[in-house]
């Protein structure tokens, strides 16, 4: 689970129109996918290869937890991100489904 502050910061960034939506990698030139927005908005883009795709895989090919997001949540967000033209569906999914740490 992510923290309430992280969820709020992520949603605000997705709603801000600061980020041009992209697919396939966290950042490609000036376009970001939802996970790239998460990294940038929380300061976790420093020293990170933002051209990587998500979800992250370990050496055995299994999806790793990232910033409190389970593998299945990461995959769901990426599917939504890559199948829509803007962040509205991702925002809706995060708002309704992401539980936060108490």
N, C-alpha and C. Protein backbone atom coordinates (compact mmCIF):
# COMPACT_ATOMS: atom_id res chain seq x y z
N UNK A 1 0.83 -1.19 0.00
CA UNK A 1 0.00 0.00 0.00
C UNK A 1 0.87 1.25 0.00
N UNK A 2 0.35 2.27 -0.63
CA UNK A 2 1.07 3.54 -0.65
C UNK A 2 0.57 4.42 0.49
N UNK A 3 1.33 5.45 0.77
CA UNK A 3 0.89 6.38 1.81
C UNK A 3 -0.18 7.31 1.24
N UNK A 4 -0.94 7.90 2.13
CA UNK A 4 -1.98 8.85 1.72
C UNK A 4 -1.34 10.04 1.00
N UNK A 5 -0.20 10.51 1.52
CA UNK A 5 0.49 11.65 0.91
C UNK A 5 0.95 11.33 -0.51
N UNK A 6 1.47 10.13 -0.72
CA UNK A 6 1.91 9.71 -2.05
C UNK A 6 0.74 9.62 -3.00
N UNK A 7 -0.36 9.02 -2.55
CA UNK A 7 -1.55 8.91 -3.40
C UNK A 7 -2.05 10.30 -3.79
N UNK A 8 -2.13 11.20 -2.83
CA UNK A 8 -2.59 12.56 -3.09
C UNK A 8 -1.68 13.28 -4.07
N UNK A 9 -0.39 13.18 -3.85
CA UNK A 9 0.59 13.83 -4.72
C UNK A 9 0.48 13.28 -6.15
N UNK A 10 0.32 11.96 -6.27
CA UNK A 10 0.22 11.31 -7.58
C UNK A 10 -1.05 11.76 -8.31
N UNK A 11 -2.17 11.74 -7.60
CA UNK A 11 -3.42 12.16 -8.23
C UNK A 11 -3.37 13.63 -8.65
N UNK A 12 -2.83 14.49 -7.79
CA UNK A 12 -2.70 15.90 -8.14
C UNK A 12 -1.83 16.11 -9.38
N UNK A 13 -0.76 15.35 -9.47
CA UNK A 13 0.13 15.45 -10.63
C UNK A 13 -0.57 14.97 -11.90
N UNK A 14 -1.31 13.87 -11.80
CA UNK A 14 -2.04 13.36 -12.97
C UNK A 14 -3.10 14.35 -13.44
N UNK A 15 -3.69 15.06 -12.52
CA UNK A 15 -4.75 16.03 -12.85
C UNK A 15 -4.20 17.38 -13.30
N UNK A 16 -2.94 17.62 -13.10
CA UNK A 16 -2.35 18.95 -13.26
C UNK A 16 -2.19 19.43 -14.71
N UNK A 17 -2.27 18.56 -15.65
CA UNK A 17 -1.99 18.88 -17.06
C UNK A 17 -0.53 19.26 -17.29
N UNK A 18 0.33 19.02 -16.31
CA UNK A 18 1.76 19.27 -16.46
C UNK A 18 2.40 18.17 -17.31
N UNK A 19 1.80 16.99 -17.30
CA UNK A 19 2.40 15.82 -17.95
C UNK A 19 1.63 15.44 -19.21
N UNK A 20 2.38 15.30 -20.30
CA UNK A 20 1.80 14.77 -21.53
C UNK A 20 1.80 13.26 -21.42
N UNK A 21 0.65 12.64 -21.68
CA UNK A 21 0.51 11.20 -21.50
C UNK A 21 1.25 10.44 -22.59
N UNK A 22 1.97 9.43 -22.15
CA UNK A 22 2.67 8.54 -23.06
C UNK A 22 2.41 7.10 -22.68
N UNK A 23 2.94 6.19 -23.48
CA UNK A 23 2.81 4.76 -23.21
C UNK A 23 4.15 4.08 -23.47
N UNK A 24 4.29 2.88 -22.92
CA UNK A 24 5.45 2.05 -23.22
C UNK A 24 6.64 2.20 -22.30
N UNK A 25 6.82 3.36 -21.72
CA UNK A 25 7.90 3.57 -20.76
C UNK A 25 7.50 4.70 -19.82
N UNK A 26 8.21 4.81 -18.72
CA UNK A 26 7.86 5.84 -17.75
C UNK A 26 7.95 7.23 -18.35
N UNK A 27 9.00 7.47 -19.13
CA UNK A 27 9.14 8.76 -19.80
C UNK A 27 9.80 8.53 -21.14
N UNK A 28 9.23 9.11 -22.14
CA UNK A 28 9.79 9.07 -23.49
C UNK A 28 9.77 10.49 -24.00
N UNK A 29 10.94 11.13 -24.04
CA UNK A 29 11.06 12.55 -24.35
C UNK A 29 10.25 13.34 -23.33
N UNK A 30 9.17 14.00 -23.73
CA UNK A 30 8.37 14.79 -22.80
C UNK A 30 7.05 14.12 -22.44
N UNK A 31 6.90 12.85 -22.74
CA UNK A 31 5.67 12.12 -22.44
C UNK A 31 5.90 11.15 -21.29
N UNK A 32 4.93 11.05 -20.40
CA UNK A 32 5.02 10.20 -19.22
C UNK A 32 3.86 9.22 -19.20
N UNK A 33 4.12 7.99 -18.72
CA UNK A 33 3.00 7.13 -18.39
C UNK A 33 2.68 7.36 -16.92
N UNK A 34 1.64 6.73 -16.42
CA UNK A 34 1.20 6.97 -15.05
C UNK A 34 2.28 6.66 -14.02
N UNK A 35 3.06 5.61 -14.25
CA UNK A 35 4.13 5.27 -13.31
C UNK A 35 5.25 6.31 -13.36
N UNK A 36 5.50 6.86 -14.53
CA UNK A 36 6.49 7.92 -14.66
C UNK A 36 6.06 9.17 -13.94
N UNK A 37 4.77 9.48 -14.00
CA UNK A 37 4.24 10.63 -13.25
C UNK A 37 4.43 10.39 -11.76
N UNK A 38 4.15 9.18 -11.30
CA UNK A 38 4.36 8.84 -9.89
C UNK A 38 5.81 9.10 -9.49
N UNK A 39 6.75 8.61 -10.27
CA UNK A 39 8.17 8.79 -9.95
C UNK A 39 8.55 10.26 -9.94
N UNK A 40 8.12 10.99 -10.95
CA UNK A 40 8.48 12.40 -11.05
C UNK A 40 7.84 13.22 -9.93
N UNK A 41 6.58 12.98 -9.67
CA UNK A 41 5.85 13.76 -8.66
C UNK A 41 6.35 13.53 -7.25
N UNK A 42 6.93 12.37 -7.00
CA UNK A 42 7.41 12.05 -5.66
C UNK A 42 8.92 12.21 -5.52
N UNK A 43 9.58 12.66 -6.58
CA UNK A 43 11.03 12.85 -6.52
C UNK A 43 11.82 11.58 -6.72
N UNK A 44 11.18 10.52 -7.14
CA UNK A 44 11.86 9.25 -7.32
C UNK A 44 12.37 9.04 -8.74
N UNK A 45 12.41 10.10 -9.53
CA UNK A 45 12.92 9.97 -10.89
C UNK A 45 14.43 10.20 -10.95
N UNK A 46 15.00 10.73 -9.87
CA UNK A 46 16.43 10.97 -9.83
C UNK A 46 17.16 9.63 -9.79
N UNK A 47 18.21 9.51 -10.57
CA UNK A 47 19.02 8.30 -10.64
C UNK A 47 18.21 7.06 -11.01
N UNK A 48 17.16 7.25 -11.77
CA UNK A 48 16.32 6.13 -12.20
C UNK A 48 16.23 6.18 -13.72
N UNK A 49 16.33 5.03 -14.34
CA UNK A 49 16.20 4.96 -15.79
C UNK A 49 14.74 5.12 -16.16
N UNK A 50 14.35 6.33 -16.52
CA UNK A 50 12.95 6.62 -16.80
C UNK A 50 12.49 6.08 -18.15
N UNK A 51 13.41 5.53 -18.94
CA UNK A 51 13.00 4.93 -20.20
C UNK A 51 12.57 3.48 -20.01
N UNK A 52 12.66 2.97 -18.78
CA UNK A 52 12.25 1.60 -18.50
C UNK A 52 10.75 1.44 -18.60
N UNK A 53 10.36 0.25 -18.93
CA UNK A 53 8.94 -0.07 -18.92
C UNK A 53 8.58 -0.62 -17.56
N UNK A 54 7.32 -0.62 -17.28
CA UNK A 54 6.81 -1.16 -16.03
C UNK A 54 5.76 -2.17 -16.36
N UNK A 55 5.52 -3.12 -15.51
CA UNK A 55 6.06 -3.26 -14.17
C UNK A 55 7.51 -3.75 -14.17
N UNK A 56 8.20 -3.48 -13.08
CA UNK A 56 9.59 -3.93 -12.92
C UNK A 56 9.62 -5.43 -12.66
N UNK A 57 10.60 -6.07 -13.24
CA UNK A 57 10.75 -7.51 -13.05
C UNK A 57 12.04 -7.79 -12.29
N UNK A 58 12.01 -8.84 -11.45
CA UNK A 58 13.25 -9.24 -10.79
C UNK A 58 14.01 -10.20 -11.70
N UNK A 59 15.10 -10.76 -11.23
CA UNK A 59 15.94 -11.64 -12.05
C UNK A 59 15.20 -12.88 -12.52
N UNK A 60 14.19 -13.30 -11.78
CA UNK A 60 13.43 -14.49 -12.15
C UNK A 60 12.23 -14.17 -13.04
N UNK A 61 12.06 -12.91 -13.40
CA UNK A 61 10.96 -12.51 -14.27
C UNK A 61 9.66 -12.22 -13.52
N UNK A 62 9.71 -12.22 -12.19
CA UNK A 62 8.51 -11.92 -11.40
C UNK A 62 8.42 -10.41 -11.18
N UNK A 63 7.19 -9.90 -11.14
CA UNK A 63 6.97 -8.47 -10.93
C UNK A 63 7.27 -8.12 -9.47
N UNK A 64 7.97 -7.01 -9.26
CA UNK A 64 8.33 -6.56 -7.92
C UNK A 64 7.36 -5.50 -7.44
N UNK A 65 7.21 -5.40 -6.12
CA UNK A 65 6.46 -4.30 -5.53
C UNK A 65 7.25 -3.03 -5.78
N UNK A 66 6.56 -1.94 -6.08
CA UNK A 66 7.23 -0.68 -6.37
C UNK A 66 6.48 0.44 -5.68
N UNK A 67 7.16 1.18 -4.82
CA UNK A 67 6.60 2.32 -4.10
C UNK A 67 5.29 1.96 -3.41
N UNK A 68 5.21 0.76 -2.90
CA UNK A 68 4.02 0.33 -2.18
C UNK A 68 2.94 -0.24 -3.06
N UNK A 69 3.16 -0.30 -4.36
CA UNK A 69 2.16 -0.84 -5.28
C UNK A 69 2.46 -2.31 -5.56
N UNK A 70 1.47 -3.14 -5.35
CA UNK A 70 1.64 -4.57 -5.61
C UNK A 70 1.82 -4.81 -7.10
N UNK A 71 2.38 -5.95 -7.46
CA UNK A 71 2.53 -6.28 -8.87
C UNK A 71 1.21 -6.22 -9.65
N UNK A 72 0.14 -6.73 -9.07
CA UNK A 72 -1.13 -6.73 -9.81
C UNK A 72 -1.66 -5.31 -10.00
N UNK A 73 -1.45 -4.45 -9.02
CA UNK A 73 -1.87 -3.05 -9.15
C UNK A 73 -1.07 -2.35 -10.23
N UNK A 74 0.24 -2.57 -10.25
CA UNK A 74 1.08 -1.97 -11.29
C UNK A 74 0.61 -2.41 -12.68
N UNK A 75 0.37 -3.69 -12.82
CA UNK A 75 -0.06 -4.21 -14.11
C UNK A 75 -1.40 -3.60 -14.53
N UNK A 76 -2.33 -3.51 -13.60
CA UNK A 76 -3.64 -2.94 -13.91
C UNK A 76 -3.51 -1.48 -14.34
N UNK A 77 -2.72 -0.71 -13.62
CA UNK A 77 -2.52 0.70 -13.96
C UNK A 77 -1.88 0.82 -15.34
N UNK A 78 -0.92 -0.02 -15.64
CA UNK A 78 -0.28 0.03 -16.95
C UNK A 78 -1.23 -0.34 -18.07
N UNK A 79 -2.08 -1.31 -17.84
CA UNK A 79 -3.07 -1.69 -18.85
C UNK A 79 -4.02 -0.53 -19.12
N UNK A 80 -4.51 0.09 -18.05
CA UNK A 80 -5.41 1.24 -18.20
C UNK A 80 -4.68 2.37 -18.91
N UNK A 81 -3.46 2.67 -18.47
CA UNK A 81 -2.68 3.76 -19.06
C UNK A 81 -2.50 3.55 -20.57
N UNK A 82 -2.13 2.34 -20.95
CA UNK A 82 -1.80 2.08 -22.35
C UNK A 82 -3.03 1.93 -23.24
N UNK A 83 -4.22 1.85 -22.66
CA UNK A 83 -5.42 1.65 -23.48
C UNK A 83 -6.31 2.89 -23.53
N UNK A 84 -5.84 4.00 -22.99
CA UNK A 84 -6.64 5.23 -22.98
C UNK A 84 -5.83 6.40 -23.53
N UNK A 85 -6.54 7.47 -23.88
CA UNK A 85 -5.89 8.64 -24.49
C UNK A 85 -5.47 9.70 -23.49
N UNK A 86 -5.96 9.60 -22.26
CA UNK A 86 -5.57 10.57 -21.24
C UNK A 86 -5.50 9.85 -19.89
N UNK A 87 -5.24 10.61 -18.83
CA UNK A 87 -5.08 10.00 -17.52
C UNK A 87 -6.39 9.81 -16.76
N UNK A 88 -7.52 10.17 -17.32
CA UNK A 88 -8.78 10.17 -16.57
C UNK A 88 -9.15 8.78 -16.03
N UNK A 89 -8.97 7.74 -16.79
CA UNK A 89 -9.30 6.39 -16.31
C UNK A 89 -8.31 5.93 -15.24
N UNK A 90 -7.05 6.30 -15.40
CA UNK A 90 -6.05 5.97 -14.38
C UNK A 90 -6.40 6.69 -13.08
N UNK A 91 -6.76 7.96 -13.18
CA UNK A 91 -7.15 8.74 -12.00
C UNK A 91 -8.35 8.08 -11.32
N UNK A 92 -9.33 7.69 -12.10
CA UNK A 92 -10.52 7.04 -11.54
C UNK A 92 -10.15 5.74 -10.82
N UNK A 93 -9.30 4.94 -11.46
CA UNK A 93 -8.89 3.67 -10.84
C UNK A 93 -8.13 3.92 -9.53
N UNK A 94 -7.18 4.82 -9.55
CA UNK A 94 -6.39 5.10 -8.34
C UNK A 94 -7.29 5.64 -7.24
N UNK A 95 -8.17 6.57 -7.57
CA UNK A 95 -9.06 7.17 -6.58
C UNK A 95 -9.96 6.13 -5.91
N UNK A 96 -10.48 5.23 -6.70
CA UNK A 96 -11.45 4.25 -6.18
C UNK A 96 -10.84 3.00 -5.59
N UNK A 97 -9.67 2.60 -6.06
CA UNK A 97 -9.17 1.27 -5.73
C UNK A 97 -7.90 1.23 -4.90
N UNK A 98 -7.09 2.27 -4.92
CA UNK A 98 -5.83 2.21 -4.18
C UNK A 98 -6.05 2.51 -2.71
N UNK A 99 -5.79 1.52 -1.89
CA UNK A 99 -5.89 1.70 -0.45
C UNK A 99 -4.59 2.32 0.05
N UNK A 100 -4.71 3.10 1.11
CA UNK A 100 -3.53 3.77 1.66
C UNK A 100 -3.23 3.21 3.05
N UNK A 101 -1.96 3.37 3.43
CA UNK A 101 -1.55 2.97 4.77
C UNK A 101 -2.22 3.88 5.78
N UNK A 102 -2.63 3.30 6.91
CA UNK A 102 -3.26 4.14 7.93
C UNK A 102 -2.23 4.78 8.82
